[in-house]
Protein backbone atom coordinates (compact mmCIF):
# COMPACT_ATOMS: atom_id res chain seq x y z
CA MET A 1 9.25 2.47 -1.49
CA ASN A 2 8.38 -1.11 -0.61
CA LEU A 3 9.23 -4.19 -2.66
CA THR A 4 5.81 -4.33 -4.35
CA GLU A 5 6.24 -0.73 -5.53
CA ALA A 6 9.84 -1.36 -6.61
CA ILE A 7 8.77 -4.36 -8.70
CA GLU A 8 5.98 -2.26 -10.24
CA GLN A 9 8.52 0.45 -11.11
CA LEU A 10 10.78 -2.14 -12.75
CA ARG A 11 7.89 -3.61 -14.73
CA GLU A 12 7.04 -0.12 -16.05
CA ARG A 13 10.64 0.29 -17.23
CA ASN A 14 11.08 -3.20 -18.68
CA GLU A 15 12.79 -2.89 -22.06
CA PRO A 16 11.68 -5.00 -25.01
CA VAL A 17 14.25 -7.58 -26.08
CA PRO A 18 14.23 -10.04 -29.00
CA LYS A 19 14.15 -13.10 -26.73
CA PRO A 20 12.66 -12.24 -23.32
CA MET A 21 13.51 -14.38 -20.32
CA ARG A 22 10.83 -16.22 -18.42
CA LEU A 23 10.35 -16.10 -14.69
CA PRO A 24 11.51 -19.12 -12.67
CA THR A 25 9.20 -21.41 -10.78
CA GLU A 26 9.37 -21.86 -7.00
CA GLN A 27 10.96 -25.25 -7.69
CA GLU A 28 13.71 -23.74 -9.86
CA VAL A 29 14.56 -21.18 -7.17
CA ALA A 30 14.56 -23.94 -4.53
CA ALA A 31 16.90 -26.01 -6.72
CA ALA A 32 19.34 -23.07 -6.94
CA GLU A 33 19.21 -22.68 -3.15
CA GLN A 34 19.92 -26.37 -2.72
CA ARG A 35 22.89 -26.30 -5.12
CA LEU A 36 24.34 -23.29 -3.30
CA GLY A 37 23.59 -24.68 0.15
CA ILE A 38 21.85 -21.48 1.23
CA THR A 39 18.39 -20.11 1.90
CA LEU A 40 17.72 -16.93 -0.04
CA HIS A 41 16.35 -13.92 1.78
CA PRO A 42 12.56 -13.76 1.17
CA ASP A 43 12.84 -10.38 -0.62
CA PHE A 44 15.38 -11.67 -3.11
CA ARG A 45 13.44 -14.90 -3.59
CA ARG A 46 10.33 -12.82 -4.35
CA TYR A 47 12.29 -10.65 -6.80
CA LEU A 48 13.52 -13.76 -8.63
CA ILE A 49 10.02 -15.19 -8.96
CA GLU A 50 8.24 -11.93 -9.83
CA ALA A 51 10.72 -9.69 -11.65
CA SER A 52 13.96 -11.42 -12.65
CA ASP A 53 12.84 -11.28 -16.28
CA VAL A 54 13.04 -7.47 -16.29
CA VAL A 55 15.62 -5.91 -18.59
CA PHE A 56 16.42 -2.31 -17.69
CA GLY A 57 19.56 -0.22 -17.93
CA ALA A 58 23.09 -1.46 -17.52
CA LEU A 59 22.73 -3.55 -14.34
CA GLU A 60 21.82 -7.21 -14.76
CA PRO A 61 20.84 -8.81 -11.44
CA ALA A 62 21.07 -12.55 -10.99
CA THR A 63 18.70 -15.02 -12.62
CA VAL A 64 18.18 -18.75 -12.15
CA ILE A 65 16.74 -19.94 -15.49
CA ASP A 66 19.74 -20.29 -17.82
CA GLU A 67 22.78 -21.95 -16.26
CA SER A 68 24.99 -20.75 -19.12
CA SER A 69 24.01 -17.10 -18.66
CA HIS A 70 26.47 -14.57 -17.25
CA THR A 71 23.65 -13.63 -14.83
CA ASN A 72 23.23 -17.14 -13.44
CA LEU A 73 22.94 -16.92 -9.64
CA ILE A 74 24.99 -20.06 -9.02
CA SER A 75 27.88 -18.85 -11.20
CA ILE A 76 27.77 -15.35 -9.70
CA CYS A 77 27.81 -16.70 -6.13
CA GLU A 78 30.61 -19.18 -6.78
CA SER A 79 32.77 -16.53 -8.48
CA ALA A 80 32.10 -13.93 -5.79
CA TRP A 81 32.83 -16.31 -2.93
CA GLU A 82 36.08 -17.38 -4.65
CA MET A 83 37.05 -13.69 -4.89
CA GLY A 84 36.57 -13.25 -1.15
CA VAL A 85 32.96 -12.16 -0.72
CA PRO A 86 31.97 -13.56 2.69
CA ARG A 87 29.70 -16.63 2.49
CA GLU A 88 27.13 -14.92 4.72
CA LEU A 89 26.48 -12.52 1.83
CA THR A 90 24.53 -13.68 -1.22
CA PRO A 91 25.61 -11.83 -4.37
CA ILE A 92 22.56 -10.58 -6.26
CA CYS A 93 24.30 -8.58 -8.98
CA GLU A 94 27.82 -8.49 -10.41
CA ASP A 95 29.09 -5.14 -11.69
CA ASN A 96 32.63 -5.10 -13.15
CA ALA A 97 34.01 -7.62 -10.60
CA ASP A 98 32.21 -5.81 -7.76
CA TYR A 99 29.10 -7.27 -6.16
CA TYR A 100 25.86 -6.11 -4.65
CA CYS A 101 24.96 -8.67 -2.00
CA ILE A 102 22.06 -9.33 0.33
CA ASP A 103 22.69 -10.30 3.94
CA ASN A 104 20.53 -12.40 6.26
CA GLN A 105 18.63 -9.31 7.46
CA GLY A 106 17.78 -8.22 3.90
CA ARG A 107 20.25 -5.34 3.80
CA ILE A 108 22.08 -4.84 0.49
CA ARG A 109 25.84 -4.42 0.83
CA PHE A 110 28.32 -3.39 -1.83
CA TRP A 111 31.48 -5.50 -2.00
CA SER A 112 34.34 -4.08 -4.04
CA HIS A 113 37.30 -6.04 -5.35
CA ASN A 114 39.31 -2.86 -4.66
CA GLY A 115 38.82 -3.10 -0.91
CA THR A 116 36.41 -2.52 1.92
CA THR A 117 33.42 -0.29 1.47
CA ASP A 118 30.61 0.77 3.82
CA GLU A 119 28.14 1.34 1.00
CA SER A 120 24.79 -0.30 1.79
CA TRP A 121 21.03 0.02 1.41
CA LYS A 122 18.43 -0.88 4.02
CA ASN A 123 16.66 -3.40 1.78
CA LEU A 124 16.22 -4.68 -1.76
CA ALA A 125 13.48 -2.17 -2.59
CA THR A 126 15.72 0.75 -1.63
CA TRP A 127 18.58 -0.68 -3.72
CA ILE A 128 16.25 -1.10 -6.72
CA GLU A 129 15.06 2.50 -6.32
CA ASP A 130 18.43 4.13 -5.59
CA VAL A 131 20.84 2.07 -7.69
CA TRP A 132 19.10 0.12 -10.42
CA ILE A 133 16.46 2.71 -11.29
CA GLY A 134 18.14 5.78 -9.82
CA GLU A 135 21.41 5.44 -11.72
CA ASN A 136 19.72 4.94 -15.07
């Protein structure tokens, strides 16, 4: 599955909510990058702009619209990096004090507060398919 197909799969599963989120603009994503002092991997940037308004299952990946949200990318990154997630990893989803992170090559790596893990996925599309969709 490629990222286009993964986003299509998420859109098909999007759950109705009373107050749906909106997608961020390019400028809002760029502002988050600037505040964090990082450049997001193109796959994650695309996800934010095209599908970060999707609500599906128990996982809640990062968003950039509402700074007070528990899914706010800036808050997630700052908390994760304080907990010891290496700065070369960008947390994309917090799950019970564990983090799914994207590296500079686009690989998704699982970081556990319980210790080292080798769990990873070759790219964001595979993670969406295997973890976000697959575990629901």
